[in-house]
């Protein structure tokens, strides 16, 4: 009984990207940290201050494209908060997909 409560859910790359984007825009640092690498978390915190938290709880996160390159997945997404689509690079760390931010100049296959 206790084992099932303590298990960590494994999210797909797309689900992970949505969790990170939502936690980023809603200032949910614990969730963002859980689903990013150490470097990804640090980079997102540095740019988070540039964005204002929206009064709307709906961000309309949409996956535009997804590309797998070996053990790396790239997710191109859009939200109502930014007119320019974003791109997340995800890697597996501790058997979980995590966003690994490499900076805006590395857009992956998109």
Protein backbone atom coordinates (compact mmCIF):
# COMPACT_ATOMS: atom_id res chain seq x y z
CA UNK A 1 0.00 0.00 0.00
CA UNK A 2 2.74 2.47 0.89
CA UNK A 3 4.80 1.47 -2.11
CA UNK A 4 2.19 2.60 -4.62
CA UNK A 5 1.88 5.99 -2.93
CA UNK A 6 5.62 6.61 -3.02
CA UNK A 7 6.22 5.64 -6.65
CA UNK A 8 7.21 8.40 -9.04
CA UNK A 9 5.06 8.77 -12.12
CA UNK A 10 6.92 8.67 -15.40
CA UNK A 11 5.80 11.42 -17.79
CA UNK A 12 6.27 11.48 -21.56
CA UNK A 13 8.45 14.22 -23.05
CA UNK A 14 5.32 16.17 -24.08
CA UNK A 15 3.77 15.86 -20.59
CA UNK A 16 7.06 16.94 -19.02
CA UNK A 17 7.32 19.96 -21.32
CA UNK A 18 3.79 21.00 -20.34
CA UNK A 19 4.58 20.61 -16.62
CA UNK A 20 7.72 22.74 -16.98
CA UNK A 21 6.01 25.46 -19.03
CA UNK A 22 3.08 25.62 -16.61
CA UNK A 23 5.32 25.74 -13.55
CA UNK A 24 7.51 28.38 -15.22
CA UNK A 25 4.64 30.76 -15.97
CA UNK A 26 2.87 30.15 -12.65
CA UNK A 27 6.01 30.52 -10.51
CA UNK A 28 5.92 26.94 -9.19
CA UNK A 29 9.63 26.42 -8.49
CA UNK A 30 9.33 22.97 -6.83
CA UNK A 31 7.53 21.47 -9.82
CA UNK A 32 9.87 23.18 -12.28
CA UNK A 33 12.92 21.90 -10.38
CA UNK A 34 11.58 18.33 -10.28
CA UNK A 35 11.19 18.19 -14.06
CA UNK A 36 14.40 19.92 -15.17
CA UNK A 37 18.08 19.18 -14.98
CA UNK A 38 20.18 21.31 -12.64
CA UNK A 39 21.37 23.44 -15.58
CA UNK A 40 17.86 23.69 -17.01
CA UNK A 41 16.44 24.80 -13.68
CA UNK A 42 19.14 27.44 -13.18
CA UNK A 43 18.63 28.88 -16.67
CA UNK A 44 14.85 28.97 -16.33
CA UNK A 45 15.08 30.74 -12.97
CA UNK A 46 17.35 33.37 -14.51
CA UNK A 47 14.86 34.24 -17.25
CA UNK A 48 11.69 33.73 -15.21
CA UNK A 49 11.97 37.22 -13.72
CA UNK A 50 11.54 38.67 -17.22
CA UNK A 51 8.01 37.31 -17.48
CA UNK A 52 5.01 38.60 -15.61
CA UNK A 53 2.73 36.03 -14.06
CA UNK A 54 -0.54 36.03 -15.88
CA UNK A 55 -3.80 36.53 -14.03
CA UNK A 56 -5.28 33.78 -16.18
CA UNK A 57 -4.75 30.21 -15.07
CA UNK A 58 -5.23 28.99 -18.66
CA UNK A 59 -2.12 29.15 -20.75
CA UNK A 60 -3.38 26.99 -23.64
CA UNK A 61 -0.21 24.93 -23.92
CA UNK A 62 -0.08 23.24 -27.33
CA UNK A 63 2.49 20.90 -28.82
CA UNK A 64 3.41 22.13 -32.29
CA UNK A 65 6.04 19.53 -33.10
CA UNK A 66 8.06 16.76 -31.47
CA UNK A 67 11.33 15.26 -32.69
CA UNK A 68 13.32 12.38 -31.25
CA UNK A 69 17.06 12.21 -31.86
CA UNK A 70 18.42 9.15 -30.07
CA UNK A 71 18.04 9.72 -26.35
CA UNK A 72 17.06 13.38 -26.78
CA UNK A 73 13.57 14.68 -27.51
CA UNK A 74 12.78 18.18 -28.74
CA UNK A 75 9.34 19.69 -28.11
CA UNK A 76 8.19 22.81 -29.95
CA UNK A 77 5.21 24.37 -28.18
CA UNK A 78 3.07 27.47 -27.96
CA UNK A 79 1.29 29.25 -25.10
CA UNK A 80 -0.97 32.27 -24.87
CA UNK A 81 1.77 34.01 -22.85
CA UNK A 82 4.29 34.33 -25.66
CA UNK A 83 3.59 34.90 -29.38
CA UNK A 84 6.82 33.11 -30.32
CA UNK A 85 6.80 29.30 -30.04
CA UNK A 86 9.20 27.85 -27.48
CA UNK A 87 11.43 24.82 -27.75
CA UNK A 88 12.41 22.46 -24.96
CA UNK A 89 15.20 19.90 -25.18
CA UNK A 90 14.47 16.91 -22.96
CA UNK A 91 16.88 14.23 -21.78
CA UNK A 92 16.40 11.26 -19.51
CA UNK A 93 17.84 11.62 -16.04
CA UNK A 94 17.11 9.08 -13.29
CA UNK A 95 14.67 7.33 -15.68
CA UNK A 96 12.59 10.51 -15.97
CA UNK A 97 12.29 12.96 -18.89
CA UNK A 98 13.65 16.35 -17.83
CA UNK A 99 13.97 19.65 -19.62
CA UNK A 100 17.61 20.51 -20.24
CA UNK A 101 17.83 24.14 -21.22
CA UNK A 102 20.72 24.97 -23.54
CA UNK A 103 19.79 28.52 -24.37
CA UNK A 104 17.74 30.18 -27.10
CA UNK A 105 20.42 29.81 -29.78
CA UNK A 106 20.06 26.00 -29.79
CA UNK A 107 16.66 25.32 -31.30
CA UNK A 108 17.21 21.68 -32.17
CA UNK A 109 15.65 20.38 -35.37
CA UNK A 110 13.06 23.17 -35.61
